[in-house]
């Protein structure tokens, strides 16, 4: 049985601060952290990465410049980026770790591309990522992102329908409170599809740390747990003044709100 843990998403350079906050793990970002941009917009393994404990999940797989819904881009270019990213994160991963495929700007439909064609290419990308990750004993998850970030797959319900329509039903999804709130997706839908969820992200109002806003964190986590989700939960925030200090309080709020760990 999996022991439920709570982590913080941050660049690897923030590993010490995440540990100081008392997180169970660092969910390291890949682009700009484990990968560095080189000449010509290509990405390569970062020369120096601070040590951190093997992680159960990783975020930000693609930069905006890797167009994963553009049929005019050779799929071999996407494959090259994926192989580089997987090689960079694998030494830091727990067995079976999940890799979040969000990357909203990367998957936005290019001008002039019909939706059906863009969806087919996105599906091909998800399939390729799934297979390459599986070779290393890892799992790629598709994350719905709100419409301010992308125009393909914006809700949990849409993600499930997209995967089913493209023969990818075994690929699980990410449930992220930030996107659920901005898309006004009912928690009843979250509960309905919780069995298809492979990882969860949370934040408070305007993506502040839990406890600094008024979003219904407990309601979201209760819907997930009641629906059968038994995995970890990571805090994903844009606004940290001090991860070590604020993270301690945010994790306490998260653990108290999570039915799987609340006292």
Protein backbone atom coordinates (compact mmCIF):
# COMPACT_ATOMS: atom_id res chain seq x y z
CA UNK A 1 0.00 0.00 0.00
CA UNK A 2 1.33 3.45 -0.94
CA UNK A 3 2.12 5.79 1.93
CA UNK A 4 0.56 9.13 1.05
CA UNK A 5 3.14 11.89 0.81
CA UNK A 6 3.03 15.64 0.21
CA UNK A 7 5.65 17.50 -1.79
CA UNK A 8 6.52 20.85 -3.32
CA UNK A 9 7.16 21.60 -6.98
CA UNK A 10 10.31 23.66 -7.49
CA UNK A 11 13.54 23.77 -9.49
CA UNK A 12 16.26 21.43 -8.29
CA UNK A 13 18.20 24.48 -7.10
CA UNK A 14 15.53 24.86 -4.38
CA UNK A 15 16.01 21.32 -3.06
CA UNK A 16 17.50 22.44 0.26
CA UNK A 17 14.66 24.89 0.90
CA UNK A 18 12.07 22.23 0.10
CA UNK A 19 13.74 19.86 2.57
CA UNK A 20 13.82 22.60 5.19
CA UNK A 21 10.09 23.14 4.73
CA UNK A 22 9.48 19.52 5.71
CA UNK A 23 8.20 18.28 2.35
CA UNK A 24 8.19 14.55 1.81
CA UNK A 25 9.73 15.07 -1.62
CA UNK A 26 10.76 17.64 -4.20
CA UNK A 27 8.80 17.44 -7.45
CA UNK A 28 11.59 18.83 -9.58
CA UNK A 29 10.85 20.85 -12.67
CA UNK A 30 12.58 19.49 -15.76
CA UNK A 31 12.89 22.39 -18.22
CA UNK A 32 15.26 25.05 -16.89
CA UNK A 33 16.28 22.88 -13.95
CA UNK A 34 17.31 19.36 -14.91
CA UNK A 35 17.62 20.55 -18.52
CA UNK A 36 19.46 23.65 -19.71
CA UNK A 37 18.92 25.46 -23.00
CA UNK A 38 21.79 25.39 -25.43
CA UNK A 39 22.56 26.99 -28.76
CA UNK A 40 19.80 26.90 -31.34
CA UNK A 41 17.06 26.36 -28.77
CA UNK A 42 17.97 22.76 -28.04
CA UNK A 43 17.99 21.42 -24.50
CA UNK A 44 20.63 19.32 -22.79
CA UNK A 45 21.22 17.76 -19.40
CA UNK A 46 22.16 20.37 -16.80
CA UNK A 47 25.86 20.35 -15.94
CA UNK A 48 25.23 20.68 -12.21
CA UNK A 49 22.15 19.54 -10.31
CA UNK A 50 21.96 19.78 -6.51
CA UNK A 51 21.48 16.44 -4.81
CA UNK A 52 17.94 15.56 -3.76
CA UNK A 53 16.20 12.37 -2.66
CA UNK A 54 14.67 10.20 -5.39
CA UNK A 55 11.34 11.77 -6.33
CA UNK A 56 7.95 10.25 -7.15
CA UNK A 57 7.05 12.89 -9.75
CA UNK A 58 8.46 15.53 -12.11
CA UNK A 59 6.91 18.56 -13.83
CA UNK A 60 7.37 20.81 -16.90
CA UNK A 61 8.45 18.29 -19.51
CA UNK A 62 8.47 20.51 -22.62
CA UNK A 63 9.52 24.12 -23.24
CA UNK A 64 7.25 26.32 -25.34
CA UNK A 65 9.59 25.95 -28.30
CA UNK A 66 8.96 22.22 -28.71
CA UNK A 67 5.66 22.25 -30.63
CA UNK A 68 3.96 19.02 -29.61
CA UNK A 69 0.64 19.68 -31.40
CA UNK A 70 2.12 20.90 -34.68
CA UNK A 71 1.94 18.26 -37.45
CA UNK A 72 4.58 20.12 -39.45
CA UNK A 73 7.23 19.45 -36.79
CA UNK A 74 8.99 16.10 -37.32
CA UNK A 75 8.04 13.72 -34.52
CA UNK A 76 11.74 12.79 -34.37
CA UNK A 77 12.46 16.23 -32.88
CA UNK A 78 9.95 15.59 -30.12
CA UNK A 79 11.45 12.16 -29.53
CA UNK A 80 14.95 13.64 -29.23
CA UNK A 81 13.76 16.09 -26.56
CA UNK A 82 11.94 13.34 -24.68
CA UNK A 83 14.94 11.04 -24.66
CA UNK A 84 17.13 13.87 -23.36
CA UNK A 85 14.63 14.80 -20.65
CA UNK A 86 14.15 11.21 -19.51
CA UNK A 87 17.89 10.63 -19.33
CA UNK A 88 18.24 13.77 -17.20
CA UNK A 89 15.50 12.91 -14.71
CA UNK A 90 15.93 9.13 -14.45
CA UNK A 91 18.83 9.26 -11.95
CA UNK A 92 16.63 11.28 -9.59
CA UNK A 93 13.45 9.19 -9.93
CA UNK A 94 11.88 6.60 -7.71
CA UNK A 95 10.80 3.40 -9.47
CA UNK A 96 7.49 4.09 -11.21
CA UNK A 97 7.79 7.87 -10.85
CA UNK A 98 5.29 9.97 -12.77
CA UNK A 99 6.13 12.70 -15.29
CA UNK A 100 3.56 15.44 -15.80
CA UNK A 101 2.90 16.36 -19.41
CA UNK A 102 1.36 19.79 -19.04
CA UNK A 103 3.38 22.20 -21.17
CA UNK A 104 0.49 24.44 -22.21
CA UNK A 105 2.35 26.74 -24.58
CA UNK A 106 4.01 23.77 -26.27
CA UNK A 107 0.69 22.13 -27.05
CA UNK A 108 -1.30 25.18 -28.07
CA UNK A 109 -2.68 24.82 -31.59
CA UNK A 110 -0.47 26.64 -34.11
CA UNK A 111 -2.18 29.18 -36.36
CA UNK A 112 -3.75 27.50 -39.37
CA UNK A 113 -3.73 23.98 -37.92
CA UNK A 114 -7.15 22.34 -37.72
CA UNK A 115 -8.13 21.06 -34.30
CA UNK A 116 -8.44 17.45 -35.42
CA UNK A 117 -4.91 17.48 -36.84
CA UNK A 118 -3.52 19.12 -33.71
CA UNK A 119 -5.25 16.59 -31.49
CA UNK A 120 -3.85 13.72 -33.55
CA UNK A 121 -0.33 15.07 -33.17
CA UNK A 122 -0.80 15.64 -29.44
CA UNK A 123 -2.04 12.07 -29.12
CA UNK A 124 1.03 10.84 -31.01
CA UNK A 125 3.23 12.83 -28.63
CA UNK A 126 1.49 11.39 -25.56
CA UNK A 127 1.85 7.88 -26.99
CA UNK A 128 5.55 8.40 -27.71
CA UNK A 129 6.16 9.86 -24.24
CA UNK A 130 4.27 6.97 -22.65
CA UNK A 131 6.37 4.37 -24.44
CA UNK A 132 9.74 6.03 -23.87
CA UNK A 133 8.99 6.55 -20.17
CA UNK A 134 7.84 2.95 -19.79
CA UNK A 135 11.21 1.76 -21.08
CA UNK A 136 12.69 3.28 -17.92
CA UNK A 137 9.93 2.07 -15.60
CA UNK A 138 8.38 5.54 -15.43
CA UNK A 139 4.89 6.85 -16.23
CA UNK A 140 3.79 9.90 -18.21
CA UNK A 141 0.56 11.63 -17.18
CA UNK A 142 -1.51 14.13 -19.17
CA UNK A 143 -2.38 17.33 -17.30
CA UNK A 144 -5.45 19.40 -18.20
CA UNK A 145 -4.58 23.11 -18.22
CA UNK A 146 -6.96 26.07 -18.12
CA UNK A 147 -7.77 27.98 -21.30
CA UNK A 148 -5.45 30.83 -20.40
CA UNK A 149 -2.52 28.45 -20.90
CA UNK A 150 -3.65 26.24 -23.77
CA UNK A 151 -6.52 25.43 -26.10
CA UNK A 152 -6.18 21.65 -26.08
CA UNK A 153 -7.39 19.55 -23.13
CA UNK A 154 -8.49 22.04 -20.49
CA UNK A 155 -10.48 19.94 -17.99
CA UNK A 156 -10.22 16.54 -16.35
CA UNK A 157 -13.36 15.42 -18.17
CA UNK A 158 -11.90 16.55 -21.50
CA UNK A 159 -8.60 14.80 -20.77
CA UNK A 160 -10.36 11.50 -20.11
CA UNK A 161 -12.43 11.85 -23.29
CA UNK A 162 -9.34 12.77 -25.33
CA UNK A 163 -7.37 9.77 -24.10
CA UNK A 164 -10.27 7.38 -24.67
CA UNK A 165 -10.86 8.71 -28.19
CA UNK A 166 -7.20 8.13 -29.14
CA UNK A 167 -6.80 4.64 -27.69
CA UNK A 168 -4.79 5.94 -24.74
CA UNK A 169 -7.11 4.94 -21.92
CA UNK A 170 -4.22 3.48 -19.91
CA UNK A 171 -2.60 6.94 -19.67
CA UNK A 172 -3.65 8.60 -16.43
CA UNK A 173 -4.28 12.28 -15.82
CA UNK A 174 -3.27 14.97 -13.34
CA UNK A 175 -5.86 16.67 -11.16
CA UNK A 176 -4.75 20.23 -10.41
CA UNK A 177 -6.92 22.45 -8.20
CA UNK A 178 -5.64 25.60 -9.92
CA UNK A 179 -6.93 24.52 -13.31
CA UNK A 180 -10.10 22.99 -11.87
CA UNK A 181 -10.96 26.30 -10.25
CA UNK A 182 -10.21 28.44 -13.30
CA UNK A 183 -12.23 26.12 -15.55
CA UNK A 184 -15.02 25.91 -12.94
CA UNK A 185 -15.03 22.14 -13.24
CA UNK A 186 -17.41 20.67 -10.63
CA UNK A 187 -15.90 18.55 -7.88
CA UNK A 188 -18.48 15.93 -8.83
CA UNK A 189 -16.56 15.50 -12.09
CA UNK A 190 -13.29 15.27 -10.17
CA UNK A 191 -14.81 12.53 -8.03
CA UNK A 192 -16.22 10.72 -11.07
CA UNK A 193 -12.81 10.51 -12.76
CA UNK A 194 -10.62 10.14 -9.68
CA UNK A 195 -9.88 6.54 -10.64
CA UNK A 196 -8.15 7.87 -13.76
CA UNK A 197 -5.97 10.31 -11.79
CA UNK A 198 -2.30 9.46 -11.38
CA UNK A 199 -1.11 12.56 -9.51
CA UNK A 200 -2.49 15.74 -7.92
CA UNK A 201 -1.36 19.36 -7.65
CA UNK A 202 -2.78 22.01 -5.34
CA UNK A 203 -2.47 25.72 -4.65
CA UNK A 204 -4.55 28.39 -3.00
CA UNK A 205 -6.18 31.48 -4.54
CA UNK A 206 -4.11 32.91 -7.42
CA UNK A 207 -1.69 30.01 -6.99
CA UNK A 208 -0.50 31.16 -3.59
CA UNK A 209 0.61 28.59 -0.99
CA UNK A 210 -2.19 26.67 0.75
CA UNK A 211 -3.52 28.66 3.69
CA UNK A 212 -2.97 32.05 2.04
CA UNK A 213 -6.29 32.17 0.18
CA UNK A 214 -9.82 30.82 0.26
CA UNK A 215 -9.94 28.03 -2.31
CA UNK A 216 -11.73 24.82 -1.19
CA UNK A 217 -8.66 22.63 -0.75
CA UNK A 218 -10.41 20.13 1.53
CA UNK A 219 -13.36 19.79 -0.83
CA UNK A 220 -11.08 19.08 -3.79
CA UNK A 221 -9.03 16.48 -1.92
CA UNK A 222 -12.15 14.87 -0.47
CA UNK A 223 -13.58 14.49 -3.98
CA UNK A 224 -10.34 12.84 -5.13
CA UNK A 225 -10.08 10.50 -2.15
CA UNK A 226 -13.78 9.58 -2.20
CA UNK A 227 -13.41 8.77 -5.90
CA UNK A 228 -10.54 6.39 -5.22
CA UNK A 229 -7.37 8.43 -5.71
CA UNK A 230 -4.67 7.09 -3.41
CA UNK A 231 -1.56 8.92 -4.57
CA UNK A 232 0.64 11.82 -3.55
CA UNK A 233 -0.17 15.55 -3.63
CA UNK A 234 2.24 18.33 -4.60
CA UNK A 235 1.99 22.05 -3.92
CA UNK A 236 2.52 24.09 -7.10
CA UNK A 237 2.75 27.83 -6.49
CA UNK A 238 3.94 30.85 -8.42
CA UNK A 239 4.24 33.14 -5.42
CA UNK A 240 6.76 32.06 -2.80
CA UNK A 241 8.51 34.65 -0.66
CA UNK A 242 10.46 31.98 1.24
CA UNK A 243 9.83 28.30 0.44
CA UNK A 244 11.50 27.03 3.61
CA UNK A 245 9.35 29.21 5.88
CA UNK A 246 6.08 29.42 3.94
CA UNK A 247 6.30 25.81 2.82
CA UNK A 248 6.18 24.58 6.40
CA UNK A 249 2.84 26.28 7.02
CA UNK A 250 1.50 25.36 3.57
CA UNK A 251 2.30 21.69 4.09
CA UNK A 252 0.59 21.74 7.48
CA UNK A 253 -2.55 23.17 5.86
CA UNK A 254 -2.38 20.60 3.05
CA UNK A 255 -1.95 17.64 5.39
CA UNK A 256 -4.80 18.81 7.58
CA UNK A 257 -7.07 19.18 4.53
CA UNK A 258 -6.23 15.79 3.03
CA UNK A 259 -8.61 13.07 4.26
CA UNK A 260 -5.83 10.53 3.69
CA UNK A 261 -3.59 12.11 6.35
CA UNK A 262 -5.75 14.43 8.46
CA UNK A 263 -5.69 13.61 12.16
